[in-house]
Structure formats: structure tokens, C-alpha cells
């Protein structure tokens, strides 16, 4: 994932109660489904804190709901892993 703001999708609110957040504190994420909204939130959360705790191996329980009056809240555990990437470039001369 390379961007935090897709152009289309359903607006969801994602928040982390274990960090003291409530639905009113939720981050608005456009996504095609609740699970993808949570994944995008995790990417944003790791990048914004620069601690990368989720991708570093610490799962986190979060709540997600469509941004609509009376929307049902769903509970997800989000986790990640770092994947090494290597590049080789020939040096000429």
C-alpha cells in the first residue's frame, strides 16, 4: 500500500480502545470493506508514530464501523510483518 487516501470506497471510522480512543476519535478511512479499512489504518498508525509497532510484531485490537448513524461496530485484530526488499544494480567501470 502506498497511499493512505484512496479515491473511492465506503467511509469507515477505525479506533483503538486500548489506547483510550473512542468512536469519536476514530480515523476516517475510505475502503471497500471493514478489514481493508483496518489494514489501511494500521499502515497510517505505524507511519504516523514512526515506531512501527504493528509491523514490528505487536498485534493490536481495534474497532471499525461505517461512518453512518447507528452503524454496527466490528472488532478486528490487526498485525503485520516487515518484509525485506533488496536491490542490486550493476556498477560499470
N, C-alpha and C. Protein backbone atom coordinates (compact mmCIF):
# COMPACT_ATOMS: atom_id res chain seq x y z
N UNK A 1 0.85 -1.18 0.00
CA UNK A 1 0.00 0.00 0.00
C UNK A 1 0.89 1.23 0.00
N UNK A 2 0.53 2.15 -0.83
CA UNK A 2 1.39 3.31 -0.95
C UNK A 2 0.71 4.62 -0.59
N UNK A 3 -0.58 4.59 -0.37
CA UNK A 3 -1.29 5.83 -0.09
C UNK A 3 -2.30 5.60 1.01
N UNK A 4 -2.52 6.60 1.83
CA UNK A 4 -3.48 6.48 2.92
C UNK A 4 -4.87 6.89 2.50
N UNK A 5 -5.05 7.51 1.32
CA UNK A 5 -6.34 8.05 0.94
C UNK A 5 -6.78 7.58 -0.45
N UNK A 6 -7.47 6.42 -0.51
CA UNK A 6 -7.98 6.03 -1.82
C UNK A 6 -9.07 6.99 -2.27
N UNK A 7 -9.35 7.02 -3.56
CA UNK A 7 -10.31 7.97 -4.09
C UNK A 7 -11.76 7.49 -3.96
N UNK A 8 -11.98 6.20 -3.82
CA UNK A 8 -13.34 5.68 -3.74
C UNK A 8 -13.45 4.69 -2.61
N UNK A 9 -14.67 4.37 -2.25
CA UNK A 9 -14.92 3.39 -1.20
C UNK A 9 -15.93 3.92 -0.20
N UNK A 10 -16.19 3.11 0.79
CA UNK A 10 -17.11 3.45 1.87
C UNK A 10 -16.32 4.12 2.99
N UNK A 11 -16.84 5.19 3.59
CA UNK A 11 -16.13 5.79 4.72
C UNK A 11 -16.33 4.97 6.00
N UNK A 12 -15.22 4.60 6.62
CA UNK A 12 -15.22 3.87 7.88
C UNK A 12 -14.50 4.69 8.93
N UNK A 13 -14.83 4.47 10.19
CA UNK A 13 -14.09 5.01 11.32
C UNK A 13 -13.37 3.85 11.99
N UNK A 14 -12.09 4.02 12.27
CA UNK A 14 -11.29 2.98 12.91
C UNK A 14 -10.63 3.61 14.14
N UNK A 15 -10.69 2.88 15.27
CA UNK A 15 -10.09 3.41 16.50
C UNK A 15 -9.61 2.27 17.38
N UNK A 16 -8.76 2.60 18.33
CA UNK A 16 -8.12 1.61 19.20
C UNK A 16 -8.48 1.90 20.67
N UNK A 17 -9.45 1.15 21.23
CA UNK A 17 -9.85 1.38 22.61
C UNK A 17 -8.74 1.17 23.63
N UNK A 18 -7.81 0.25 23.37
CA UNK A 18 -6.74 0.01 24.35
C UNK A 18 -5.80 1.21 24.48
N UNK A 19 -5.87 2.12 23.53
CA UNK A 19 -5.09 3.37 23.61
C UNK A 19 -5.95 4.53 24.10
N UNK A 20 -7.14 4.20 24.57
CA UNK A 20 -8.01 5.23 25.12
C UNK A 20 -8.89 5.92 24.09
N UNK A 21 -8.88 5.46 22.84
CA UNK A 21 -9.67 6.10 21.79
C UNK A 21 -11.12 5.62 21.82
N UNK A 22 -12.01 6.50 21.42
CA UNK A 22 -13.42 6.18 21.29
C UNK A 22 -13.81 6.36 19.82
N UNK A 23 -15.04 6.01 19.51
CA UNK A 23 -15.50 6.16 18.12
C UNK A 23 -15.36 7.61 17.66
N UNK A 24 -15.57 8.55 18.55
CA UNK A 24 -15.44 9.97 18.21
C UNK A 24 -14.00 10.33 17.83
N UNK A 25 -13.03 9.53 18.32
CA UNK A 25 -11.62 9.75 17.99
C UNK A 25 -11.22 9.01 16.72
N UNK A 26 -12.12 8.22 16.17
CA UNK A 26 -11.80 7.34 15.05
C UNK A 26 -11.21 8.06 13.86
N UNK A 27 -10.31 7.39 13.20
CA UNK A 27 -9.70 7.89 11.96
C UNK A 27 -10.61 7.52 10.80
N UNK A 28 -10.94 8.48 9.96
CA UNK A 28 -11.81 8.24 8.81
C UNK A 28 -10.98 7.65 7.69
N UNK A 29 -11.38 6.46 7.23
CA UNK A 29 -10.66 5.75 6.18
C UNK A 29 -11.66 5.35 5.10
N UNK A 30 -11.36 5.65 3.85
CA UNK A 30 -12.19 5.16 2.74
C UNK A 30 -11.66 3.79 2.33
N UNK A 31 -12.56 2.81 2.25
CA UNK A 31 -12.14 1.45 1.90
C UNK A 31 -13.32 0.68 1.34
N UNK A 32 -13.02 -0.46 0.72
CA UNK A 32 -14.06 -1.29 0.13
C UNK A 32 -14.71 -2.25 1.11
N UNK A 33 -14.06 -2.48 2.27
CA UNK A 33 -14.61 -3.36 3.29
C UNK A 33 -13.97 -3.01 4.64
N UNK A 34 -14.56 -3.44 5.74
CA UNK A 34 -14.02 -3.10 7.07
C UNK A 34 -12.59 -3.60 7.29
N UNK A 35 -12.30 -4.81 6.83
CA UNK A 35 -10.95 -5.36 7.01
C UNK A 35 -9.88 -4.53 6.32
N UNK A 36 -10.18 -4.07 5.11
CA UNK A 36 -9.23 -3.24 4.39
C UNK A 36 -9.08 -1.88 5.08
N UNK A 37 -10.16 -1.36 5.64
CA UNK A 37 -10.08 -0.10 6.40
C UNK A 37 -9.13 -0.26 7.58
N UNK A 38 -9.22 -1.39 8.27
CA UNK A 38 -8.34 -1.65 9.41
C UNK A 38 -6.89 -1.75 8.95
N UNK A 39 -6.64 -2.43 7.84
CA UNK A 39 -5.27 -2.54 7.33
C UNK A 39 -4.71 -1.18 6.96
N UNK A 40 -5.50 -0.35 6.34
CA UNK A 40 -5.06 1.00 5.97
C UNK A 40 -4.81 1.84 7.22
N UNK A 41 -5.66 1.68 8.22
CA UNK A 41 -5.47 2.39 9.49
C UNK A 41 -4.14 1.96 10.11
N UNK A 42 -3.84 0.67 10.09
CA UNK A 42 -2.60 0.16 10.69
C UNK A 42 -1.39 0.75 9.98
N UNK A 43 -1.46 0.84 8.65
CA UNK A 43 -0.37 1.45 7.89
C UNK A 43 -0.20 2.92 8.32
N UNK A 44 -1.31 3.63 8.41
CA UNK A 44 -1.26 5.03 8.84
C UNK A 44 -0.71 5.15 10.26
N UNK A 45 -1.20 4.29 11.17
CA UNK A 45 -0.80 4.36 12.57
C UNK A 45 0.70 4.09 12.72
N UNK A 46 1.19 3.05 12.07
CA UNK A 46 2.62 2.76 12.16
C UNK A 46 3.45 3.91 11.60
N UNK A 47 3.06 4.43 10.46
CA UNK A 47 3.84 5.50 9.83
C UNK A 47 3.78 6.80 10.63
N UNK A 48 2.61 7.10 11.19
CA UNK A 48 2.49 8.37 11.91
C UNK A 48 3.22 8.37 13.24
N UNK A 49 3.37 7.21 13.85
CA UNK A 49 4.10 7.16 15.12
C UNK A 49 5.59 6.94 14.91
N UNK A 50 5.95 6.42 13.74
CA UNK A 50 7.34 6.08 13.39
C UNK A 50 7.91 5.00 14.31
N UNK A 51 7.06 4.37 15.13
CA UNK A 51 7.51 3.26 15.97
C UNK A 51 7.34 1.93 15.25
N UNK A 52 6.42 1.86 14.31
CA UNK A 52 6.14 0.65 13.55
C UNK A 52 5.93 -0.56 14.46
N UNK A 53 5.12 -0.37 15.50
CA UNK A 53 4.89 -1.45 16.45
C UNK A 53 4.06 -2.58 15.86
N UNK A 54 3.10 -2.26 15.00
CA UNK A 54 2.25 -3.31 14.42
C UNK A 54 3.07 -4.15 13.45
N UNK A 55 3.73 -3.51 12.51
CA UNK A 55 4.55 -4.25 11.56
C UNK A 55 5.75 -4.89 12.25
N UNK A 56 6.11 -4.38 13.41
CA UNK A 56 7.20 -4.95 14.19
C UNK A 56 6.83 -6.21 14.95
N UNK A 57 5.55 -6.60 14.89
CA UNK A 57 5.14 -7.86 15.50
C UNK A 57 4.20 -7.75 16.68
N UNK A 58 3.71 -6.56 16.99
CA UNK A 58 2.77 -6.40 18.10
C UNK A 58 1.36 -6.24 17.57
N UNK A 59 0.53 -7.31 17.65
CA UNK A 59 -0.85 -7.19 17.17
C UNK A 59 -1.63 -6.19 18.02
N UNK A 60 -2.66 -5.62 17.43
CA UNK A 60 -3.45 -4.60 18.11
C UNK A 60 -4.93 -4.85 17.81
N UNK A 61 -5.75 -4.77 18.84
CA UNK A 61 -7.19 -4.92 18.66
C UNK A 61 -7.81 -3.55 18.43
N UNK A 62 -8.59 -3.44 17.36
CA UNK A 62 -9.22 -2.17 17.00
C UNK A 62 -10.69 -2.39 16.69
N UNK A 63 -11.43 -1.31 16.68
CA UNK A 63 -12.83 -1.34 16.29
C UNK A 63 -13.00 -0.54 15.01
N UNK A 64 -13.98 -0.96 14.20
CA UNK A 64 -14.26 -0.28 12.94
C UNK A 64 -15.77 -0.26 12.74
N UNK A 65 -16.26 0.83 12.18
CA UNK A 65 -17.69 0.96 11.86
C UNK A 65 -17.83 1.89 10.67
N UNK A 66 -18.84 1.65 9.86
CA UNK A 66 -19.12 2.59 8.79
C UNK A 66 -19.43 3.94 9.40
N UNK A 67 -19.07 4.99 8.69
CA UNK A 67 -19.34 6.33 9.18
C UNK A 67 -20.80 6.68 8.86
N UNK A 68 -21.70 6.08 9.61
CA UNK A 68 -23.13 6.29 9.43
C UNK A 68 -23.81 6.13 10.80
N UNK A 69 -24.88 6.86 11.00
CA UNK A 69 -25.61 6.80 12.26
C UNK A 69 -26.10 5.37 12.51
N UNK A 70 -25.81 4.83 13.68
CA UNK A 70 -26.27 3.50 14.06
C UNK A 70 -25.50 2.35 13.45
N UNK A 71 -24.37 2.61 12.81
CA UNK A 71 -23.58 1.54 12.18
C UNK A 71 -23.04 0.58 13.24
N UNK A 72 -23.04 -0.69 12.90
CA UNK A 72 -22.55 -1.74 13.79
C UNK A 72 -21.03 -1.69 13.87
N UNK A 73 -20.50 -1.82 15.08
CA UNK A 73 -19.05 -1.85 15.28
C UNK A 73 -18.55 -3.28 15.13
N UNK A 74 -17.42 -3.43 14.46
CA UNK A 74 -16.79 -4.74 14.32
C UNK A 74 -15.41 -4.68 14.96
N UNK A 75 -15.02 -5.80 15.57
CA UNK A 75 -13.73 -5.88 16.26
C UNK A 75 -12.75 -6.68 15.39
N UNK A 76 -11.55 -6.15 15.21
CA UNK A 76 -10.51 -6.81 14.44
C UNK A 76 -9.21 -6.82 15.24
N UNK A 77 -8.40 -7.82 15.02
CA UNK A 77 -7.01 -7.81 15.48
C UNK A 77 -6.17 -7.58 14.24
N UNK A 78 -5.37 -6.55 14.27
CA UNK A 78 -4.52 -6.22 13.13
C UNK A 78 -3.08 -6.53 13.49
N UNK A 79 -2.38 -7.16 12.55
CA UNK A 79 -0.98 -7.48 12.75
C UNK A 79 -0.24 -7.24 11.45
N UNK A 80 1.04 -7.32 11.48
CA UNK A 80 1.82 -7.09 10.28
C UNK A 80 3.17 -7.76 10.40
N UNK A 81 3.92 -7.66 9.35
CA UNK A 81 5.27 -8.18 9.35
C UNK A 81 6.11 -7.35 8.40
N UNK A 82 7.35 -7.21 8.74
CA UNK A 82 8.23 -6.50 7.83
C UNK A 82 8.78 -7.49 6.82
N UNK A 83 8.85 -7.06 5.60
CA UNK A 83 9.33 -7.92 4.53
C UNK A 83 10.56 -7.25 3.92
N UNK A 84 11.71 -7.88 4.06
CA UNK A 84 12.92 -7.26 3.49
C UNK A 84 12.85 -7.20 1.97
N UNK A 85 13.34 -6.13 1.44
CA UNK A 85 13.45 -5.97 -0.01
C UNK A 85 14.88 -5.59 -0.34
N UNK A 86 15.42 -6.24 -1.35
CA UNK A 86 16.79 -5.98 -1.73
C UNK A 86 16.85 -5.61 -3.20
N UNK A 87 17.82 -4.77 -3.55
CA UNK A 87 18.01 -4.35 -4.93
C UNK A 87 19.50 -4.47 -5.27
N UNK A 88 19.74 -4.89 -6.49
CA UNK A 88 21.12 -4.96 -6.97
C UNK A 88 21.22 -4.14 -8.24
N UNK A 89 22.25 -3.36 -8.33
CA UNK A 89 22.47 -2.54 -9.52
C UNK A 89 23.93 -2.68 -9.92
N UNK A 90 24.12 -3.02 -11.17
CA UNK A 90 25.48 -3.20 -11.67
C UNK A 90 26.22 -1.87 -11.66
N UNK A 91 27.45 -1.91 -11.21
CA UNK A 91 28.34 -0.76 -11.23
C UNK A 91 29.28 -0.93 -12.41
N UNK A 92 29.22 -0.01 -13.33
CA UNK A 92 30.08 -0.11 -14.52
C UNK A 92 31.34 0.72 -14.33
N UNK A 93 32.39 0.19 -14.88
CA UNK A 93 33.64 0.94 -14.86
C UNK A 93 34.56 0.42 -13.91
